[in-house]
Amino acid sequence: MHSDPEVVDLGATPPERCHAYHRLVMEQVAPEELEDLRGHLQRQHAYGSERFRAIIEAQLARRVGPAKIGRPSKQTSPSKSAL
């Protein structure tokens, strides 16, 4: 049982509280933001700004956002002739 008054005020039973909390969240999230959140969750990407993702990537030492699509850019260093 929750003793936090704000949680208890959401409803008398856990299902009522869950439903009330869901309504509160949905009032604050725009439909396009919800779609973006779902996309990040489905792809298991961190949701947030580029700065936030960079911090998380540094901590985890792995990519947490979408990869760039396509081939890597060719390096434009002076090339040695094969001849």
Foldseek 3Di string as FASTA:
>chain_A
DDPPVVQCVQDPDPVSSVVSVVVVVVVVADPVNVVVVVVLVVVQADDDDPVVQVVVCVVVVHHRHDDDDDDDDDDPDDDDDPD
